[in-house]
Amino acid sequence: MSDVFWYNSGSLLQALNPAQTMVDRLDTPYGLAAVSWERDGETLTVTATVPPGTAAEVDLPGSVLHEVGAGTHTFTVTGKSCGPGPAR
């Protein structure tokens, strides 16, 4: 994967401060890139769609940095850093 698609969803989440659910999508030259997340108490579920031929880094609160390739990937983390209020 020579190209890396960089998307910082954390700063968008912080800026918009959604109550529970947020979806964002972007048509890139490589195809659709999208991220959605849902908070349920102290549980945060993030689904990221990465365009073909690219990779993405997924940085979640209280978790290691994940590098993923093309496709749709879902991650769930639980902890106080995922609760109500702006994410980190």
PDB file of N, CA and C in Angstrom:
ATOM      1  N   MET A   1       0.836  -1.171   0.000  1.00  0.00           N
ATOM      2  CA  MET A   1       0.000   0.000   0.000  1.00  0.00           C
ATOM      3  C   MET A   1       0.881   1.234   0.000  1.00  0.00           C
ATOM      4  N   SER A   2       1.097   1.782  -1.169  1.00  0.00           N
ATOM      5  CA  SER A   2       1.990   2.928  -1.255  1.00  0.00           C
ATOM      6  C   SER A   2       1.306   4.222  -0.830  1.00  0.00           C
ATOM      7  N   ASP A   3       0.007   4.309  -0.998  1.00  0.00           N
ATOM      8  CA  ASP A   3      -0.716   5.510  -0.604  1.00  0.00           C
ATOM      9  C   ASP A   3      -1.355   5.292   0.762  1.00  0.00           C
ATOM     10  N   VAL A   4      -1.325   6.315   1.586  1.00  0.00           N
ATOM     11  CA  VAL A   4      -1.975   6.251   2.895  1.00  0.00           C
ATOM     12  C   VAL A   4      -3.017   7.352   2.944  1.00  0.00           C
ATOM     13  N   PHE A   5      -4.224   6.999   3.281  1.00  0.00           N
ATOM     14  CA  PHE A   5      -5.302   7.970   3.404  1.00  0.00           C
ATOM     15  C   PHE A   5      -5.342   8.418   4.862  1.00  0.00           C
ATOM     16  N   TRP A   6      -5.087   9.692   5.113  1.00  0.00           N
ATOM     17  CA  TRP A   6      -5.061  10.232   6.481  1.00  0.00           C
ATOM     18  C   TRP A   6      -6.402  10.867   6.797  1.00  0.00           C
ATOM     19  N   TYR A   7      -7.039  10.463   7.870  1.00  0.00           N
ATOM     20  CA  TYR A   7      -8.316  11.014   8.271  1.00  0.00           C
ATOM     21  C   TYR A   7      -8.343  11.089   9.779  1.00  0.00           C
ATOM     22  N   ASN A   8      -8.460  12.280  10.319  1.00  0.00           N
ATOM     23  CA  ASN A   8      -8.449  12.466  11.760  1.00  0.00           C
ATOM     24  C   ASN A   8      -9.874  12.676  12.243  1.00  0.00           C
ATOM     25  N   SER A   9     -10.573  11.589  12.519  1.00  0.00           N
ATOM     26  CA  SER A   9     -11.965  11.706  12.930  1.00  0.00           C
ATOM     27  C   SER A   9     -12.093  12.264  14.339  1.00  0.00           C
ATOM     28  N   GLY A  10     -11.081  12.081  15.165  1.00  0.00           N
ATOM     29  CA  GLY A  10     -11.157  12.575  16.547  1.00  0.00           C
ATOM     30  C   GLY A  10     -11.350  14.066  16.617  1.00  0.00           C
ATOM     31  N   SER A  11     -10.639  14.830  15.792  1.00  0.00           N
ATOM     32  CA  SER A  11     -10.777  16.281  15.855  1.00  0.00           C
ATOM     33  C   SER A  11     -12.155  16.710  15.353  1.00  0.00           C
ATOM     34  N   LEU A  12     -12.717  16.006  14.382  1.00  0.00           N
ATOM     35  CA  LEU A  12     -14.059  16.321  13.908  1.00  0.00           C
ATOM     36  C   LEU A  12     -15.075  16.051  15.011  1.00  0.00           C
ATOM     37  N   LEU A  13     -14.933  14.921  15.685  1.00  0.00           N
ATOM     38  CA  LEU A  13     -15.831  14.570  16.782  1.00  0.00           C
ATOM     39  C   LEU A  13     -15.752  15.636  17.867  1.00  0.00           C
ATOM     40  N   GLN A  14     -14.544  16.082  18.196  1.00  0.00           N
ATOM     41  CA  GLN A  14     -14.369  17.089  19.221  1.00  0.00           C
ATOM     42  C   GLN A  14     -15.023  18.406  18.800  1.00  0.00           C
ATOM     43  N   ALA A  15     -14.855  18.777  17.540  1.00  0.00           N
ATOM     44  CA  ALA A  15     -15.386  20.045  17.073  1.00  0.00           C
ATOM     45  C   ALA A  15     -16.912  20.055  17.068  1.00  0.00           C
ATOM     46  N   LEU A  16     -17.521  18.944  16.694  1.00  0.00           N
ATOM     47  CA  LEU A  16     -18.975  18.897  16.584  1.00  0.00           C
ATOM     48  C   LEU A  16     -19.649  18.438  17.869  1.00  0.00           C
ATOM     49  N   ASN A  17     -18.935  17.684  18.702  1.00  0.00           N
ATOM     50  CA  ASN A  17     -19.443  17.174  19.972  1.00  0.00           C
ATOM     51  C   ASN A  17     -20.840  16.565  19.853  1.00  0.00           C
ATOM     52  N   PRO A  18     -21.011  15.526  19.040  1.00  0.00           N
ATOM     53  CA  PRO A  18     -22.333  14.927  18.904  1.00  0.00           C
ATOM     54  C   PRO A  18     -22.750  14.219  20.192  1.00  0.00           C
ATOM     55  N   ALA A  19     -24.029  14.163  20.410  1.00  0.00           N
ATOM     56  CA  ALA A  19     -24.529  13.529  21.630  1.00  0.00           C
ATOM     57  C   ALA A  19     -24.231  12.033  21.648  1.00  0.00           C
ATOM     58  N   GLN A  20     -24.525  11.329  20.558  1.00  0.00           N
ATOM     59  CA  GLN A  20     -24.328   9.882  20.565  1.00  0.00           C
ATOM     60  C   GLN A  20     -23.814   9.312  19.254  1.00  0.00           C
ATOM     61  N   THR A  21     -24.205   9.866  18.126  1.00  0.00           N
ATOM     62  CA  THR A  21     -23.901   9.246  16.841  1.00  0.00           C
ATOM     63  C   THR A  21     -23.427  10.301  15.835  1.00  0.00           C
ATOM     64  N   MET A  22     -22.474   9.916  14.994  1.00  0.00           N
ATOM     65  CA  MET A  22     -21.976  10.824  13.969  1.00  0.00           C
ATOM     66  C   MET A  22     -21.550  10.002  12.762  1.00  0.00           C
ATOM     67  N   VAL A  23     -21.792  10.529  11.565  1.00  0.00           N
ATOM     68  CA  VAL A  23     -21.368   9.882  10.330  1.00  0.00           C
ATOM     69  C   VAL A  23     -20.724  10.956   9.458  1.00  0.00           C
ATOM     70  N   ASP A  24     -19.584  10.631   8.862  1.00  0.00           N
ATOM     71  CA  ASP A  24     -18.942  11.539   7.918  1.00  0.00           C
ATOM     72  C   ASP A  24     -18.424  10.705   6.760  1.00  0.00           C
ATOM     73  N   ARG A  25     -18.528  11.248   5.549  1.00  0.00           N
ATOM     74  CA  ARG A  25     -18.080  10.522   4.361  1.00  0.00           C
ATOM     75  C   ARG A  25     -17.438  11.503   3.398  1.00  0.00           C
ATOM     76  N   LEU A  26     -16.509  10.979   2.607  1.00  0.00           N
ATOM     77  CA  LEU A  26     -15.774  11.810   1.669  1.00  0.00           C
ATOM     78  C   LEU A  26     -15.501  10.998   0.412  1.00  0.00           C
ATOM     79  N   ASP A  27     -15.857  11.561  -0.747  1.00  0.00           N
ATOM     80  CA  ASP A  27     -15.519  10.921  -2.015  1.00  0.00           C
ATOM     81  C   ASP A  27     -14.104  11.354  -2.379  1.00  0.00           C
ATOM     82  N   THR A  28     -13.161  10.411  -2.366  1.00  0.00           N
ATOM     83  CA  THR A  28     -11.764  10.697  -2.671  1.00  0.00           C
ATOM     84  C   THR A  28     -11.464  10.225  -4.091  1.00  0.00           C
ATOM     85  N   PRO A  29     -10.294  10.569  -4.619  1.00  0.00           N
ATOM     86  CA  PRO A  29      -9.916  10.046  -5.941  1.00  0.00           C
ATOM     87  C   PRO A  29      -9.830   8.517  -5.964  1.00  0.00           C
ATOM     88  N   TYR A  30      -9.725   7.875  -4.776  1.00  0.00           N
ATOM     89  CA  TYR A  30      -9.610   6.418  -4.682  1.00  0.00           C
ATOM     90  C   TYR A  30     -10.952   5.734  -4.443  1.00  0.00           C
ATOM     91  N   GLY A  31     -11.973   6.517  -4.107  1.00  0.00           N
ATOM     92  CA  GLY A  31     -13.274   5.957  -3.775  1.00  0.00           C
ATOM     93  C   GLY A  31     -13.777   6.532  -2.455  1.00  0.00           C
ATOM     94  N   LEU A  32     -14.827   5.942  -1.937  1.00  0.00           N
ATOM     95  CA  LEU A  32     -15.460   6.432  -0.719  1.00  0.00           C
ATOM     96  C   LEU A  32     -14.603   6.167   0.514  1.00  0.00           C
ATOM     97  N   ALA A  33     -14.436   7.214   1.322  1.00  0.00           N
ATOM     98  CA  ALA A  33     -13.860   7.085   2.661  1.00  0.00           C
ATOM     99  C   ALA A  33     -14.939   7.550   3.618  1.00  0.00           C
ATOM    100  N   ALA A  34     -15.173   6.776   4.664  1.00  0.00           N
ATOM    101  CA  ALA A  34     -16.244   7.141   5.589  1.00  0.00           C
ATOM    102  C   ALA A  34     -15.879   6.705   7.002  1.00  0.00           C
ATOM    103  N   VAL A  35     -16.463   7.404   7.952  1.00  0.00           N
ATOM    104  CA  VAL A  35     -16.317   7.008   9.351  1.00  0.00           C
ATOM    105  C   VAL A  35     -17.640   7.300  10.053  1.00  0.00           C
ATOM    106  N   SER A  36     -18.029   6.401  10.917  1.00  0.00           N
ATOM    107  CA  SER A  36     -19.203   6.637  11.758  1.00  0.00           C
ATOM    108  C   SER A  36     -18.865   6.156  13.150  1.00  0.00           C
ATOM    109  N   TRP A  37     -19.466   6.785  14.115  1.00  0.00           N
ATOM    110  CA  TRP A  37     -19.233   6.343  15.480  1.00  0.00           C
ATOM    111  C   TRP A  37     -20.491   6.520  16.293  1.00  0.00           C
ATOM    112  N   GLU A  38     -20.595   5.688  17.325  1.00  0.00           N
ATOM    113  CA  GLU A  38     -21.742   5.721  18.221  1.00  0.00           C
ATOM    114  C   GLU A  38     -21.256   5.520  19.638  1.00  0.00           C
ATOM    115  N   ARG A  39     -21.751   6.346  20.532  1.00  0.00           N
ATOM    116  CA  ARG A  39     -21.442   6.196  21.947  1.00  0.00           C
ATOM    117  C   ARG A  39     -22.649   5.633  22.668  1.00  0.00           C
ATOM    118  N   ASP A  40     -22.415   4.688  23.529  1.00  0.00           N
ATOM    119  CA  ASP A  40     -23.460   4.128  24.384  1.00  0.00           C
ATOM    120  C   ASP A  40     -22.857   4.020  25.773  1.00  0.00           C
ATOM    121  N   GLY A  41     -23.071   5.030  26.597  1.00  0.00           N
ATOM    122  CA  GLY A  41     -22.443   5.060  27.917  1.00  0.00           C
ATOM    123  C   GLY A  41     -20.937   5.175  27.769  1.00  0.00           C
ATOM    124  N   GLU A  42     -20.223   4.189  28.280  1.00  0.00           N
ATOM    125  CA  GLU A  42     -18.758   4.183  28.204  1.00  0.00           C
ATOM    126  C   GLU A  42     -18.241   3.340  27.039  1.00  0.00           C
ATOM    127  N   THR A  43     -19.113   2.995  26.094  1.00  0.00           N
ATOM    128  CA  THR A  43     -18.707   2.197  24.934  1.00  0.00           C
ATOM    129  C   THR A  43     -18.752   3.059  23.678  1.00  0.00           C
ATOM    130  N   LEU A  44     -17.662   3.031  22.915  1.00  0.00           N
ATOM    131  CA  LEU A  44     -17.565   3.746  21.658  1.00  0.00           C
ATOM    132  C   LEU A  44     -17.352   2.714  20.552  1.00  0.00           C
ATOM    133  N   THR A  45     -18.218   2.740  19.534  1.00  0.00           N
ATOM    134  CA  THR A  45     -18.079   1.856  18.382  1.00  0.00           C
ATOM    135  C   THR A  45     -17.804   2.730  17.159  1.00  0.00           C
ATOM    136  N   VAL A  46     -16.707   2.430  16.470  1.00  0.00           N
ATOM    137  CA  VAL A  46     -16.287   3.197  15.300  1.00  0.00           C
ATOM    138  C   VAL A  46     -16.241   2.250  14.101  1.00  0.00           C
ATOM    139  N   THR A  47     -16.845   2.680  12.993  1.00  0.00           N
ATOM    140  CA  THR A  47     -16.766   1.936  11.743  1.00  0.00           C
ATOM    141  C   THR A  47     -16.101   2.842  10.713  1.00  0.00           C
ATOM    142  N   ALA A  48     -15.025   2.356  10.111  1.00  0.00           N
ATOM    143  CA  ALA A  48     -14.272   3.125   9.116  1.00  0.00           C
ATOM    144  C   ALA A  48     -14.268   2.384   7.791  1.00  0.00           C
ATOM    145  N   THR A  49     -14.552   3.103   6.721  1.00  0.00           N
ATOM    146  CA  THR A  49     -14.472   2.555   5.372  1.00  0.00           C
ATOM    147  C   THR A  49     -13.280   3.202   4.672  1.00  0.00           C
ATOM    148  N   VAL A  50     -12.365   2.371   4.213  1.00  0.00           N
ATOM    149  CA  VAL A  50     -11.118   2.825   3.602  1.00  0.00           C
ATOM    150  C   VAL A  50     -11.179   2.510   2.103  1.00  0.00           C
ATOM    151  N   PRO A  51     -10.874   3.489   1.250  1.00  0.00           N
ATOM    152  CA  PRO A  51     -10.959   3.265  -0.197  1.00  0.00           C
ATOM    153  C   PRO A  51      -9.964   2.210  -0.699  1.00  0.00           C
ATOM    154  N   PRO A  52     -10.261   1.574  -1.827  1.00  0.00           N
ATOM    155  CA  PRO A  52      -9.346   0.595  -2.420  1.00  0.00           C
ATOM    156  C   PRO A  52      -7.972   1.208  -2.704  1.00  0.00           C
ATOM    157  N   GLY A  53      -6.930   0.419  -2.490  1.00  0.00           N
ATOM    158  CA  GLY A  53      -5.576   0.837  -2.785  1.00  0.00           C
ATOM    159  C   GLY A  53      -4.971   1.803  -1.790  1.00  0.00           C
ATOM    160  N   THR A  54      -5.634   1.979  -0.632  1.00  0.00           N
ATOM    161  CA  THR A  54      -5.127   2.897   0.386  1.00  0.00           C
ATOM    162  C   THR A  54      -5.110   2.209   1.739  1.00  0.00           C
ATOM    163  N   ALA A  55      -4.602   2.914   2.731  1.00  0.00           N
ATOM    164  CA  ALA A  55      -4.600   2.438   4.117  1.00  0.00           C
ATOM    165  C   ALA A  55      -4.984   3.612   5.004  1.00  0.00           C
ATOM    166  N   ALA A  56      -5.369   3.312   6.230  1.00  0.00           N
ATOM    167  CA  ALA A  56      -5.741   4.360   7.179  1.00  0.00           C
ATOM    168  C   ALA A  56      -5.225   3.985   8.555  1.00  0.00           C
ATOM    169  N   GLU A  57      -4.980   4.995   9.372  1.00  0.00           N
ATOM    170  CA  GLU A  57      -4.660   4.786  10.777  1.00  0.00           C
ATOM    171  C   GLU A  57      -5.900   5.131  11.587  1.00  0.00           C
ATOM    172  N   VAL A  58      -6.277   4.236  12.496  1.00  0.00           N
ATOM    173  CA  VAL A  58      -7.441   4.443  13.353  1.00  0.00           C
ATOM    174  C   VAL A  58      -6.921   4.596  14.773  1.00  0.00           C
ATOM    175  N   ASP A  59      -7.142   5.784  15.338  1.00  0.00           N
ATOM    176  CA  ASP A  59      -6.640   6.118  16.672  1.00  0.00           C
ATOM    177  C   ASP A  59      -7.840   6.296  17.592  1.00  0.00           C
ATOM    178  N   LEU A  60      -8.032   5.344  18.518  1.00  0.00           N
ATOM    179  CA  LEU A  60      -9.175   5.352  19.412  1.00  0.00           C
ATOM    180  C   LEU A  60      -8.731   5.616  20.847  1.00  0.00           C
ATOM    181  N   PRO A  61      -9.587   6.224  21.669  1.00  0.00           N
ATOM    182  CA  PRO A  61      -9.228   6.474  23.057  1.00  0.00           C
ATOM    183  C   PRO A  61      -8.933   5.174  23.799  1.00  0.00           C
ATOM    184  N   GLY A  62      -7.841   5.152  24.540  1.00  0.00           N
ATOM    185  CA  GLY A  62      -7.499   3.994  25.361  1.00  0.00           C
ATOM    186  C   GLY A  62      -7.120   2.758  24.582  1.00  0.00           C
ATOM    187  N   SER A  63      -6.752   2.900  23.312  1.00  0.00           N
ATOM    188  CA  SER A  63      -6.436   1.752  22.471  1.00  0.00           C
ATOM    189  C   SER A  63      -5.141   2.029  21.712  1.00  0.00           C
ATOM    190  N   VAL A  64      -4.583   0.986  21.141  1.00  0.00           N
ATOM    191  CA  VAL A  64      -3.387   1.142  20.314  1.00  0.00           C
ATOM    192  C   VAL A  64      -3.790   1.709  18.956  1.00  0.00           C
ATOM    193  N   LEU A  65      -2.841   2.267  18.246  1.00  0.00           N
ATOM    194  CA  LEU A  65      -3.075   2.772  16.896  1.00  0.00           C
ATOM    195  C   LEU A  65      -3.196   1.583  15.952  1.00  0.00           C
ATOM    196  N   HIS A  66      -4.253   1.549  15.171  1.00  0.00           N
ATOM    197  CA  HIS A  66      -4.489   0.458  14.222  1.00  0.00           C
ATOM    198  C   HIS A  66      -4.247   0.967  12.809  1.00  0.00           C
ATOM    199  N   GLU A  67      -3.463   0.244  12.007  1.00  0.00           N
ATOM    200  CA  GLU A  67      -3.361   0.546  10.582  1.00  0.00           C
ATOM    201  C   GLU A  67      -4.166  -0.506   9.848  1.00  0.00           C
ATOM    202  N   VAL A  68      -5.088  -0.042   9.008  1.00  0.00           N
ATOM    203  CA  VAL A  68      -5.975  -0.956   8.291  1.00  0.00           C
ATOM    204  C   VAL A  68      -5.916  -0.663   6.800  1.00  0.00           C
ATOM    205  N   GLY A  69      -6.188  -1.679   6.012  1.00  0.00           N
ATOM    206  CA  GLY A  69      -6.226  -1.539   4.565  1.00  0.00           C
ATOM    207  C   GLY A  69      -7.631  -1.262   4.076  1.00  0.00           C
ATOM    208  N   ALA A  70      -7.802  -1.348   2.780  1.00  0.00           N
ATOM    209  CA  ALA A  70      -9.091  -1.075   2.154  1.00  0.00           C
ATOM    210  C   ALA A  70     -10.180  -1.987   2.713  1.00  0.00           C
ATOM    211  N   GLY A  71     -11.388  -1.448   2.773  1.00  0.00           N
ATOM    212  CA  GLY A  71     -12.528  -2.212   3.262  1.00  0.00           C
ATOM    213  C   GLY A  71     -13.207  -1.493   4.411  1.00  0.00           C
ATOM    214  N   THR A  72     -14.142  -2.172   5.031  1.00  0.00           N
ATOM    215  CA  THR A  72     -14.881  -1.618   6.166  1.00  0.00           C
ATOM    216  C   THR A  72     -14.447  -2.341   7.428  1.00  0.00           C
ATOM    217  N   HIS A  73     -14.096  -1.553   8.450  1.00  0.00           N
ATOM    218  CA  HIS A  73     -13.551  -2.090   9.694  1.00  0.00           C
ATOM    219  C   HIS A  73     -14.326  -1.497  10.869  1.00  0.00           C
ATOM    220  N   THR A  74     -14.661  -2.332  11.854  1.00  0.00           N
ATOM    221  CA  THR A  74     -15.390  -1.873  13.036  1.00  0.00           C
ATOM    222  C   THR A  74     -14.563  -2.141  14.274  1.00  0.00           C
ATOM    223  N   PHE A  75     -14.504  -1.134  15.145  1.00  0.00           N
ATOM    224  CA  PHE A  75     -13.743  -1.212  16.388  1.00  0.00           C
ATOM    225  C   PHE A  75     -14.656  -0.798  17.538  1.00  0.00           C
ATOM    226  N   THR A  76     -14.497  -1.451  18.691  1.00  0.00           N
ATOM    227  CA  THR A  76     -15.241  -1.084  19.885  1.00  0.00           C
ATOM    228  C   THR A  76     -14.275  -0.949  21.039  1.00  0.00           C
ATOM    229  N   VAL A  77     -14.377   0.171  21.758  1.00  0.00           N
ATOM    230  CA  VAL A  77     -13.573   0.389  22.957  1.00  0.00           C
ATOM    231  C   VAL A  77     -14.504   0.804  24.080  1.00  0.00           C
ATOM    232  N   THR A  78     -14.126   0.424  25.292  1.00  0.00           N
ATOM    233  CA  THR A  78     -14.921   0.745  26.468  1.00  0.00           C
ATOM    234  C   THR A  78     -14.027   1.373  27.511  1.00  0.00           C
ATOM    235  N   GLY A  79     -14.539   2.363  28.194  1.00  0.00           N
ATOM    236  CA  GLY A  79     -13.792   3.019  29.264  1.00  0.00           C
ATOM    237  C   GLY A  79     -14.299   4.422  29.484  1.00  0.00           C
ATOM    238  N   LYS A  80     -13.860   5.016  30.569  1.00  0.00           N
ATOM    239  CA  LYS A  80     -14.328   6.354  30.910  1.00  0.00           C
ATOM    240  C   LYS A  80     -14.002   7.386  29.848  1.00  0.00           C
ATOM    241  N   SER A  81     -12.899   7.220  29.118  1.00  0.00           N
ATOM    242  CA  SER A  81     -12.538   8.189  28.073  1.00  0.00           C
ATOM    243  C   SER A  81     -13.525   8.142  26.900  1.00  0.00           C
ATOM    244  N   CYS A  82     -14.416   7.139  26.881  1.00  0.00           N
ATOM    245  CA  CYS A  82     -15.394   7.016  25.787  1.00  0.00           C
ATOM    246  C   CYS A  82     -16.771   7.529  26.194  1.00  0.00           C
ATOM    247  N   GLY A  83     -16.916   7.946  27.443  1.00  0.00           N
ATOM    248  CA  GLY A  83     -18.209   8.363  27.950  1.00  0.00           C
ATOM    249  C   GLY A  83     -18.648   9.722  27.423  1.00  0.00           C
ATOM    250  N   PRO A  84     -19.746  10.236  27.949  1.00  0.00           N
ATOM    251  CA  PRO A  84     -20.297  11.519  27.486  1.00  0.00           C
ATOM    252  C   PRO A  84     -19.275  12.643  27.561  1.00  0.00           C
ATOM    253  N   GLY A  85     -19.429  13.606  26.664  1.00  0.00           N
ATOM    254  CA  GLY A  85     -18.497  14.728  26.585  1.00  0.00           C
ATOM    255  C   GLY A  85     -17.599  14.534  25.403  1.00  0.00           C
ATOM    256  N   PRO A  86     -16.804  15.563  25.077  1.00  0.00           N
ATOM    257  CA  PRO A  86     -15.917  15.473  23.914  1.00  0.00           C
ATOM    258  C   PRO A  86     -14.917  14.339  24.049  1.00  0.00           C
ATOM    259  N   ALA A  87     -14.674  13.653  22.946  1.00  0.00           N
ATOM    260  CA  ALA A  87     -13.629  12.631  22.925  1.00  0.00           C
ATOM    261  C   ALA A  87     -12.275  13.325  22.931  1.00  0.00           C
ATOM    262  N   ARG A  88     -11.245  12.574  23.201  1.00  0.00           N
ATOM    263  CA  ARG A  88      -9.915  13.192  23.245  1.00  0.00           C
ATOM    264  C   ARG A  88      -9.454  13.643  21.898  1.00  0.00           C
TER     265      ARG A  88
END
